[in-house]
């Protein structure tokens, strides 16, 4: 009788303390995982400062190799997410991290264009499904009303990995010894942590709230109930089967919007070090320090933008305005290349815009879909988006070789993200999908 009364009293209390407990357990950890994932994905941009010369790689070859990662990645995203839904996040995320860590370290043995293409492609295959897999995983633990700030916190690892990783990568390029050059040390020393963290995932990660032994029984029951109600709220608006979700025009168009976002994001990530190096007179380490400015500002702005989106319960204009800032910043950074301070300011605006845009965008499909439909559609949206990840670096590299300037490529990518932002505005968002408040 006493335990029944205790549960009744417990059920009347706010769930905020439980959500804080879940957040502190999961969010910092997935941030760390994504920090390492993103560092291994984009450190090739810093390696290029010396690797391209050592291996004789042109700007077009580098841009193609940097982007070909995403061809392997997009091939594996949908099946990877379906496997995660079937086998559980703990086992599948561990598998992803261990294999990508080994291949990332293996990038140190690149010999020329062919091996560069092959290793980047297989790295993409190995990591395929990690990002959409974690997004899917978060939908198991956090109701829709929490996802703007939770996804922002998770994705803040993108600018944070660049903010912290840029000076580290710049410094590692100066290492020599044992027959290895600096860019080879960079790949090895930044790849192995993924293997170690992959092993730790097997111990720390919990598949779903039903298995959360680190929650008290009443806490676990409350969270299971809240997540079940959150799922029913979305399905009451519209319930999609996996097939319907994969073929739905809205899902496909959201993938197109995502392609513009990733074209901008990875264009910035892979080429920022070389753009700054082009200012003249900077060492590799100084390029790393200079890169901290846009990424540091973006780290703060990204979280605040997601927090404001949750507070106001508004999504679309948060996506659109951030997208316009990205496009304008990219175009201006290309046009103002003659003035390093002005180009840096414009590139900072572009970086802030795209980092603010990304997490709010992902509240749109995760609010619409549940179950295996969510697993497949999130993977599909991410896969379509990663076509932009391939073409962004390629366009910038190709135009650099053709015009001997970054200007044309940056303007082209800037115009495309503005067009994608207009498409997001046309698609809109139904706020009824997120109206359920936790109790």
Protein backbone atom coordinates (compact mmCIF):
# COMPACT_ATOMS: atom_id res chain seq x y z
CA UNK A 1 0.00 0.00 0.00
CA UNK A 2 2.85 2.39 0.86
CA UNK A 3 4.55 1.80 -2.52
CA UNK A 4 1.26 2.54 -4.36
CA UNK A 5 0.88 5.84 -2.52
CA UNK A 6 4.51 6.73 -3.27
CA UNK A 7 3.98 6.09 -6.98
CA UNK A 8 0.81 8.21 -6.97
CA UNK A 9 2.67 11.07 -5.29
CA UNK A 10 5.54 10.65 -7.68
CA UNK A 11 3.25 10.82 -10.69
CA UNK A 12 2.11 14.30 -9.63
CA UNK A 13 5.60 15.76 -9.63
CA UNK A 14 7.14 17.53 -12.60
CA UNK A 15 9.00 15.39 -15.09
CA UNK A 16 11.65 18.06 -15.58
CA UNK A 17 14.01 16.43 -13.10
CA UNK A 18 13.75 13.12 -14.94
CA UNK A 19 14.43 14.77 -18.29
CA UNK A 20 17.46 16.52 -16.78
CA UNK A 21 18.72 13.16 -15.53
CA UNK A 22 18.24 11.61 -18.98
CA UNK A 23 19.87 14.62 -20.64
CA UNK A 24 22.97 14.52 -18.44
CA UNK A 25 23.32 10.79 -19.01
CA UNK A 26 22.93 10.80 -22.81
CA UNK A 27 23.52 14.21 -24.39
CA UNK A 28 27.15 14.87 -23.31
CA UNK A 29 28.05 11.34 -24.38
CA UNK A 30 26.52 11.53 -27.87
CA UNK A 31 28.11 14.98 -28.21
CA UNK A 32 31.50 13.39 -27.53
CA UNK A 33 30.83 10.65 -30.08
CA UNK A 34 29.82 13.17 -32.73
CA UNK A 35 32.79 15.37 -31.84
CA UNK A 36 35.12 12.50 -32.73
CA UNK A 37 33.06 11.53 -35.79
CA UNK A 38 33.12 15.01 -37.22
CA UNK A 39 36.78 15.52 -36.45
CA UNK A 40 37.66 12.33 -38.37
CA UNK A 41 35.35 13.35 -41.21
CA UNK A 42 36.77 16.83 -41.84
CA UNK A 43 40.38 16.66 -40.61
CA UNK A 44 41.31 15.99 -44.24
CA UNK A 45 40.82 19.75 -44.74
CA UNK A 46 43.82 20.46 -42.50
CA UNK A 47 45.78 17.46 -43.77
CA UNK A 48 45.46 19.00 -47.24
CA UNK A 49 47.70 21.90 -46.23
CA UNK A 50 50.71 19.55 -46.60
CA UNK A 51 49.28 16.27 -47.93
CA UNK A 52 48.21 17.74 -51.28
CA UNK A 53 51.76 18.89 -51.99
CA UNK A 54 53.34 15.64 -50.77
CA UNK A 55 51.05 13.46 -52.90
CA UNK A 56 50.63 15.82 -55.86
CA UNK A 57 46.84 16.22 -55.43
CA UNK A 58 45.19 19.06 -57.39
CA UNK A 59 42.31 21.11 -55.96
CA UNK A 60 39.84 19.13 -58.08
CA UNK A 61 41.25 15.77 -56.93
CA UNK A 62 41.15 16.90 -53.31
CA UNK A 63 37.58 18.22 -53.61
CA UNK A 64 36.46 15.00 -55.28
CA UNK A 65 38.14 12.82 -52.66
CA UNK A 66 36.83 14.91 -49.78
CA UNK A 67 33.32 14.63 -51.17
CA UNK A 68 33.42 10.98 -52.25
CA UNK A 69 33.21 10.10 -48.55
CA UNK A 70 29.53 10.99 -48.80
CA UNK A 71 28.80 8.68 -51.71
CA UNK A 72 29.75 5.75 -49.50
CA UNK A 73 27.97 7.36 -46.58
CA UNK A 74 24.64 7.87 -48.36
CA UNK A 75 24.64 4.29 -49.71
CA UNK A 76 24.67 2.97 -46.16
CA UNK A 77 22.43 5.43 -44.30
CA UNK A 78 18.97 3.91 -44.81
CA UNK A 79 20.02 0.24 -44.30
CA UNK A 80 22.17 1.30 -41.34
CA UNK A 81 19.27 3.04 -39.62
CA UNK A 82 17.02 0.03 -40.19
CA UNK A 83 19.70 -2.21 -38.66
CA UNK A 84 19.97 0.13 -35.66
CA UNK A 85 16.20 -0.06 -35.18
CA UNK A 86 16.39 -3.87 -35.37
CA UNK A 87 19.57 -4.62 -33.37
CA UNK A 88 19.58 -1.68 -30.96
CA UNK A 89 21.73 1.44 -30.79
CA UNK A 90 24.33 0.05 -28.37
CA UNK A 91 25.65 -2.70 -30.64
CA UNK A 92 25.21 -0.85 -33.94
CA UNK A 93 26.78 2.47 -32.90
CA UNK A 94 29.74 0.56 -31.42
CA UNK A 95 30.18 -1.28 -34.75
CA UNK A 96 30.11 1.98 -36.69
CA UNK A 97 32.68 3.71 -34.48
CA UNK A 98 35.21 0.89 -34.35
CA UNK A 99 35.25 0.38 -38.13
CA UNK A 100 35.40 4.07 -38.98
CA UNK A 101 38.18 4.67 -36.44
CA UNK A 102 40.35 1.98 -38.00
CA UNK A 103 39.80 3.26 -41.54
CA UNK A 104 40.32 6.89 -40.47
CA UNK A 105 43.71 5.97 -39.00
CA UNK A 106 44.41 4.06 -42.22
CA UNK A 107 44.14 7.33 -44.17
CA UNK A 108 47.74 7.85 -43.06
CA UNK A 109 48.80 5.33 -45.72
CA UNK A 110 47.31 7.22 -48.66
CA UNK A 111 49.70 7.02 -51.63
CA UNK A 112 47.98 9.05 -54.35
CA UNK A 113 44.62 9.92 -55.94
CA UNK A 114 43.34 6.33 -56.26
CA UNK A 115 44.06 5.30 -52.67
CA UNK A 116 42.78 8.70 -51.47
CA UNK A 117 39.46 8.13 -53.27
CA UNK A 118 39.19 4.53 -52.04
CA UNK A 119 39.94 5.24 -48.39
CA UNK A 120 37.58 8.23 -48.29
CA UNK A 121 34.82 6.14 -49.89
CA UNK A 122 35.23 3.25 -47.44
CA UNK A 123 35.43 5.69 -44.53
CA UNK A 124 32.02 6.98 -45.63
CA UNK A 125 30.65 3.43 -45.82
CA UNK A 126 31.95 2.67 -42.32
CA UNK A 127 30.51 5.83 -40.77
CA UNK A 128 27.26 5.64 -42.79
CA UNK A 129 24.27 5.78 -40.50
CA UNK A 130 26.00 7.30 -37.47
CA UNK A 131 24.46 10.77 -37.64
CA UNK A 132 20.90 9.73 -38.57
CA UNK A 133 21.25 6.81 -36.16
CA UNK A 134 21.90 9.11 -33.23
CA UNK A 135 19.03 11.37 -34.34
CA UNK A 136 16.75 8.33 -34.34
CA UNK A 137 18.14 7.27 -30.97
CA UNK A 138 17.27 10.66 -29.45
CA UNK A 139 13.64 10.25 -30.57
CA UNK A 140 13.48 7.19 -28.28
CA UNK A 141 14.31 9.32 -25.25
CA UNK A 142 13.09 12.89 -25.80
CA UNK A 143 9.56 14.08 -26.69
CA UNK A 144 9.14 16.50 -29.59
CA UNK A 145 8.94 19.59 -27.37
CA UNK A 146 12.52 18.95 -26.19
CA UNK A 147 14.17 18.16 -29.49
CA UNK A 148 15.19 21.61 -30.66
CA UNK A 149 17.58 22.17 -27.77
CA UNK A 150 18.58 18.50 -27.46
CA UNK A 151 19.48 18.18 -31.14
CA UNK A 152 21.22 21.58 -30.93
CA UNK A 153 23.27 20.32 -27.98
CA UNK A 154 24.14 17.14 -29.90
CA UNK A 155 25.04 19.00 -33.07
CA UNK A 156 27.03 21.67 -31.26
CA UNK A 157 29.76 19.03 -31.53
CA UNK A 158 30.15 20.14 -35.18
CA UNK A 159 31.43 23.66 -34.52
CA UNK A 160 33.03 22.56 -31.26
CA UNK A 161 35.07 19.87 -33.02
CA UNK A 162 36.31 22.51 -35.44
CA UNK A 163 36.90 25.06 -32.66
CA UNK A 164 39.02 22.63 -30.61
CA UNK A 165 40.25 20.44 -33.45
CA UNK A 166 41.50 23.22 -35.74
CA UNK A 167 44.51 24.30 -33.63
CA UNK A 168 45.23 20.67 -32.67
CA UNK A 169 45.20 19.58 -36.32
CA UNK A 170 47.37 22.55 -37.25
CA UNK A 171 49.87 21.62 -34.54
CA UNK A 172 49.93 17.90 -35.51
CA UNK A 173 51.03 18.85 -39.01
CA UNK A 174 54.35 19.85 -37.49
CA UNK A 175 55.13 16.35 -36.17
CA UNK A 176 57.88 14.26 -37.77
CA UNK A 177 59.56 10.95 -37.00
CA UNK A 178 59.47 7.17 -37.52
CA UNK A 179 59.22 7.77 -41.26
CA UNK A 180 55.86 9.53 -40.93
CA UNK A 181 54.91 13.07 -41.86
CA UNK A 182 52.65 15.45 -39.98
CA UNK A 183 49.46 14.72 -41.94
CA UNK A 184 49.98 10.99 -41.33
CA UNK A 185 50.28 11.56 -37.57
CA UNK A 186 47.12 13.66 -37.78
CA UNK A 187 45.06 10.80 -39.24
CA UNK A 188 46.43 8.19 -36.82
CA UNK A 189 46.15 10.21 -33.61
CA UNK A 190 42.68 11.50 -34.45
CA UNK A 191 41.37 8.12 -35.68
CA UNK A 192 42.21 5.84 -32.75
CA UNK A 193 39.93 7.58 -30.18
CA UNK A 194 36.91 6.43 -32.22
CA UNK A 195 37.95 2.80 -31.71
CA UNK A 196 38.29 3.24 -27.94
CA UNK A 197 34.99 5.10 -27.64
CA UNK A 198 33.30 2.43 -29.74
CA UNK A 199 34.26 -0.15 -27.15
CA UNK A 200 33.00 2.11 -24.35
CA UNK A 201 29.63 2.48 -26.12
CA UNK A 202 28.95 -1.19 -25.35
CA UNK A 203 29.12 -0.37 -21.64
CA UNK A 204 27.50 3.08 -21.46
CA UNK A 205 24.73 3.28 -24.09
CA UNK A 206 21.21 2.05 -23.31
CA UNK A 207 18.94 1.09 -26.21
CA UNK A 208 15.65 2.56 -24.92
CA UNK A 209 13.89 3.79 -21.75
CA UNK A 210 12.51 0.30 -20.97
CA UNK A 211 16.11 -0.91 -20.40
CA UNK A 212 17.31 2.12 -18.40
CA UNK A 213 18.43 0.49 -15.16
CA UNK A 214 20.09 3.78 -14.17
CA UNK A 215 16.58 5.24 -13.72
CA UNK A 216 14.45 4.39 -10.70
CA UNK A 217 11.43 2.22 -11.53
CA UNK A 218 8.90 5.09 -11.19
CA UNK A 219 11.14 7.31 -13.33
CA UNK A 220 11.42 4.63 -15.98
CA UNK A 221 7.65 4.06 -16.06
CA UNK A 222 7.00 7.80 -16.34
CA UNK A 223 9.42 8.19 -19.25
CA UNK A 224 8.00 5.16 -21.09
CA UNK A 225 4.50 6.64 -20.71
CA UNK A 226 5.57 10.09 -21.92
CA UNK A 227 7.35 8.72 -25.00
CA UNK A 228 4.36 6.52 -25.82
CA UNK A 229 2.05 9.56 -25.61
CA UNK A 230 4.46 11.57 -27.76
CA UNK A 231 4.35 8.86 -30.42
CA UNK A 232 0.55 8.72 -30.32
CA UNK A 233 0.34 12.51 -30.68
CA UNK A 234 2.26 12.39 -33.93
CA UNK A 235 0.42 9.34 -35.24
CA UNK A 236 -2.92 11.01 -34.47
CA UNK A 237 -1.99 13.70 -36.99
CA UNK A 238 -0.79 11.15 -39.56
CA UNK A 239 0.64 7.66 -39.28
CA UNK A 240 3.13 6.62 -41.98
CA UNK A 241 4.23 3.14 -42.90
CA UNK A 242 7.87 2.70 -43.86
CA UNK A 243 6.96 2.54 -47.56
CA UNK A 244 4.76 5.65 -47.36
CA UNK A 245 7.47 7.58 -45.55
CA UNK A 246 10.17 6.69 -48.09
CA UNK A 247 7.96 7.74 -51.02
CA UNK A 248 6.30 10.78 -49.45
CA UNK A 249 7.01 14.00 -51.42
CA UNK A 250 7.60 15.96 -48.22
CA UNK A 251 10.34 13.55 -47.14
CA UNK A 252 12.02 13.77 -50.55
CA UNK A 253 11.83 17.59 -50.60
CA UNK A 254 13.21 17.79 -47.06
CA UNK A 255 16.12 15.74 -48.39
CA UNK A 256 16.63 18.37 -51.09
CA UNK A 257 16.65 21.16 -48.48
CA UNK A 258 19.16 19.13 -46.50
CA UNK A 259 21.39 18.82 -49.57
CA UNK A 260 21.76 22.61 -49.68
CA UNK A 261 22.61 22.71 -46.00
CA UNK A 262 25.30 20.05 -46.29
CA UNK A 263 26.70 21.51 -49.50
CA UNK A 264 27.31 24.72 -47.55
CA UNK A 265 28.47 23.02 -44.36
CA UNK A 266 31.11 20.79 -45.93
CA UNK A 267 32.17 23.41 -48.42
CA UNK A 268 33.08 25.52 -45.38
CA UNK A 269 34.58 22.62 -43.42
CA UNK A 270 36.88 21.26 -46.13
CA UNK A 271 37.98 24.57 -47.64
CA UNK A 272 38.16 27.04 -44.75
CA UNK A 273 41.80 26.13 -43.87
CA UNK A 274 42.89 26.64 -47.48
CA UNK A 275 40.91 29.88 -47.81
CA UNK A 276 42.63 31.24 -44.70
CA UNK A 277 46.01 29.96 -45.90
CA UNK A 278 45.41 31.99 -49.05
CA UNK A 279 45.39 35.19 -46.98
CA UNK A 280 49.19 34.83 -46.98
CA UNK A 281 51.86 34.83 -44.29
CA UNK A 282 50.13 32.36 -41.93
CA UNK A 283 51.65 29.17 -40.52
CA UNK A 284 49.50 26.02 -40.33
CA UNK A 285 49.07 26.52 -36.58
CA UNK A 286 48.00 30.15 -37.12
CA UNK A 287 45.45 28.96 -39.68
CA UNK A 288 44.09 26.69 -36.95
CA UNK A 289 43.87 29.56 -34.48
CA UNK A 290 42.14 31.80 -37.02
CA UNK A 291 39.61 29.03 -37.74
CA UNK A 292 38.59 29.10 -34.09
CA UNK A 293 36.87 32.48 -34.57
CA UNK A 294 33.95 31.44 -36.82
CA UNK A 295 33.57 28.06 -35.14
CA UNK A 296 33.63 29.55 -31.64
CA UNK A 297 30.86 32.02 -32.50
CA UNK A 298 28.88 29.29 -34.25
CA UNK A 299 29.13 27.00 -31.20
CA UNK A 300 27.34 29.55 -29.02
CA UNK A 301 24.88 30.70 -31.67
CA UNK A 302 23.86 27.16 -32.61
CA UNK A 303 22.65 26.27 -29.13
CA UNK A 304 20.94 29.62 -28.52
CA UNK A 305 19.08 29.39 -31.85
CA UNK A 306 17.77 25.90 -31.01
CA UNK A 307 16.79 27.06 -27.52
CA UNK A 308 14.89 30.03 -28.96
CA UNK A 309 13.12 27.76 -31.46
CA UNK A 310 11.90 25.53 -28.63
CA UNK A 311 10.86 28.50 -26.49
CA UNK A 312 8.81 30.11 -29.26
CA UNK A 313 7.57 26.77 -30.71
CA UNK A 314 8.54 28.06 -34.15
CA UNK A 315 10.60 26.05 -36.64
CA UNK A 316 10.33 27.21 -40.23
CA UNK A 317 11.46 30.82 -39.88
CA UNK A 318 14.35 29.67 -37.69
CA UNK A 319 15.42 27.43 -40.60
CA UNK A 320 14.82 30.03 -43.32
CA UNK A 321 16.52 33.02 -41.67
CA UNK A 322 19.57 30.95 -40.77
CA UNK A 323 19.70 29.68 -44.36
CA UNK A 324 19.61 33.19 -45.79
CA UNK A 325 22.43 34.23 -43.43
CA UNK A 326 24.47 31.27 -44.71
CA UNK A 327 23.91 32.09 -48.37
CA UNK A 328 24.65 35.79 -47.96
CA UNK A 329 27.76 35.05 -45.90
CA UNK A 330 29.13 32.57 -48.45
CA UNK A 331 28.53 34.87 -51.40
CA UNK A 332 30.09 37.85 -49.62
CA UNK A 333 33.11 35.81 -48.44
CA UNK A 334 33.84 34.99 -52.08
CA UNK A 335 33.33 38.55 -53.30
CA UNK A 336 35.35 40.09 -50.44
CA UNK A 337 38.36 37.80 -50.82
CA UNK A 338 40.59 40.83 -51.44
CA UNK A 339 40.09 41.88 -47.79
CA UNK A 340 40.96 39.17 -45.24
CA UNK A 341 39.11 40.89 -42.30
CA UNK A 342 35.92 41.33 -44.35
CA UNK A 343 36.15 37.82 -45.83
CA UNK A 344 36.62 36.41 -42.31
CA UNK A 345 33.53 38.32 -41.10
CA UNK A 346 31.43 37.04 -44.01
CA UNK A 347 32.64 33.47 -43.55
CA UNK A 348 31.84 33.72 -39.84
CA UNK A 349 28.26 34.77 -40.73
CA UNK A 350 27.98 31.79 -43.09
CA UNK A 351 29.33 29.39 -40.46
CA UNK A 352 26.99 30.75 -37.78
CA UNK A 353 24.02 30.51 -40.16
CA UNK A 354 24.54 26.93 -41.26
CA UNK A 355 25.26 25.69 -37.73
CA UNK A 356 22.09 27.40 -36.43
CA UNK A 357 20.05 25.97 -39.31
CA UNK A 358 21.03 22.30 -38.99
CA UNK A 359 19.54 21.28 -35.61
CA UNK A 360 16.25 23.16 -36.07
CA UNK A 361 15.83 21.55 -39.49
CA UNK A 362 15.96 18.08 -37.93
CA UNK A 363 12.97 18.83 -35.69
CA UNK A 364 10.82 18.81 -38.86
CA UNK A 365 11.08 15.13 -39.92
CA UNK A 366 11.46 13.78 -36.35
CA UNK A 367 8.18 15.48 -35.40
CA UNK A 368 6.40 13.93 -38.38
CA UNK A 369 7.53 10.30 -38.21
CA UNK A 370 7.66 7.40 -35.75
CA UNK A 371 8.97 3.83 -35.57
CA UNK A 372 10.50 2.18 -38.64
CA UNK A 373 9.06 4.96 -40.80
CA UNK A 374 11.23 7.40 -38.86
CA UNK A 375 14.26 5.09 -39.10
CA UNK A 376 13.97 4.80 -42.88
CA UNK A 377 12.92 8.37 -43.68
CA UNK A 378 15.55 10.04 -41.49
CA UNK A 379 18.15 7.87 -43.21
CA UNK A 380 16.73 8.78 -46.63
CA UNK A 381 16.67 12.53 -45.90
CA UNK A 382 20.24 12.31 -44.68
CA UNK A 383 21.25 10.27 -47.75
CA UNK A 384 19.72 12.75 -50.21
CA UNK A 385 21.33 15.57 -48.27
CA UNK A 386 24.72 13.98 -48.54
CA UNK A 387 24.63 14.38 -52.31
CA UNK A 388 25.18 18.03 -51.42
CA UNK A 389 28.07 16.97 -49.18
CA UNK A 390 29.71 15.47 -52.26
CA UNK A 391 29.01 18.30 -54.69
CA UNK A 392 29.93 21.15 -52.31
CA UNK A 393 33.64 20.29 -51.94
CA UNK A 394 33.80 19.19 -55.60
CA UNK A 395 32.33 22.47 -56.91
CA UNK A 396 34.69 24.55 -54.80
CA UNK A 397 37.70 22.50 -55.91
CA UNK A 398 36.71 22.46 -59.58
CA UNK A 399 36.01 26.20 -59.70
CA UNK A 400 39.27 26.89 -57.84
CA UNK A 401 41.23 25.05 -60.55
CA UNK A 402 39.27 26.74 -63.35
CA UNK A 403 39.32 30.33 -62.02
CA UNK A 404 42.27 30.23 -59.57
CA UNK A 405 39.93 31.79 -56.98
CA UNK A 406 37.40 30.61 -54.39
CA UNK A 407 34.93 33.35 -55.33
CA UNK A 408 32.83 31.61 -58.03
CA UNK A 409 32.42 28.40 -56.04
CA UNK A 410 31.42 30.19 -52.85
CA UNK A 411 28.82 32.30 -54.68
CA UNK A 412 27.34 29.21 -56.39
CA UNK A 413 26.99 27.35 -53.09
CA UNK A 414 25.54 30.47 -51.42
CA UNK A 415 22.84 30.85 -54.08
CA UNK A 416 21.87 27.18 -53.75
CA UNK A 417 21.35 27.32 -49.97
CA UNK A 418 19.14 30.41 -50.38
CA UNK A 419 16.99 28.49 -52.91
CA UNK A 420 16.75 25.56 -50.47
CA UNK A 421 15.69 27.94 -47.69
CA UNK A 422 12.85 29.23 -49.88
CA UNK A 423 11.79 25.60 -50.47
CA UNK A 424 11.70 25.03 -46.69
CA UNK A 425 9.45 28.07 -46.33
CA UNK A 426 7.07 26.67 -48.97
CA UNK A 427 6.97 23.26 -47.24
CA UNK A 428 6.11 24.78 -43.86
CA UNK A 429 5.53 22.83 -40.65
CA UNK A 430 2.40 21.71 -38.77
CA UNK A 431 2.73 22.85 -35.11
CA UNK A 432 0.09 20.29 -34.08
CA UNK A 433 2.84 17.68 -34.38
CA UNK A 434 4.59 19.17 -31.34
CA UNK A 435 1.69 20.50 -29.26
CA UNK A 436 1.81 17.75 -26.63
CA UNK A 437 3.44 19.01 -23.44
CA UNK A 438 4.93 16.63 -20.89
CA UNK A 439 3.26 16.34 -17.49
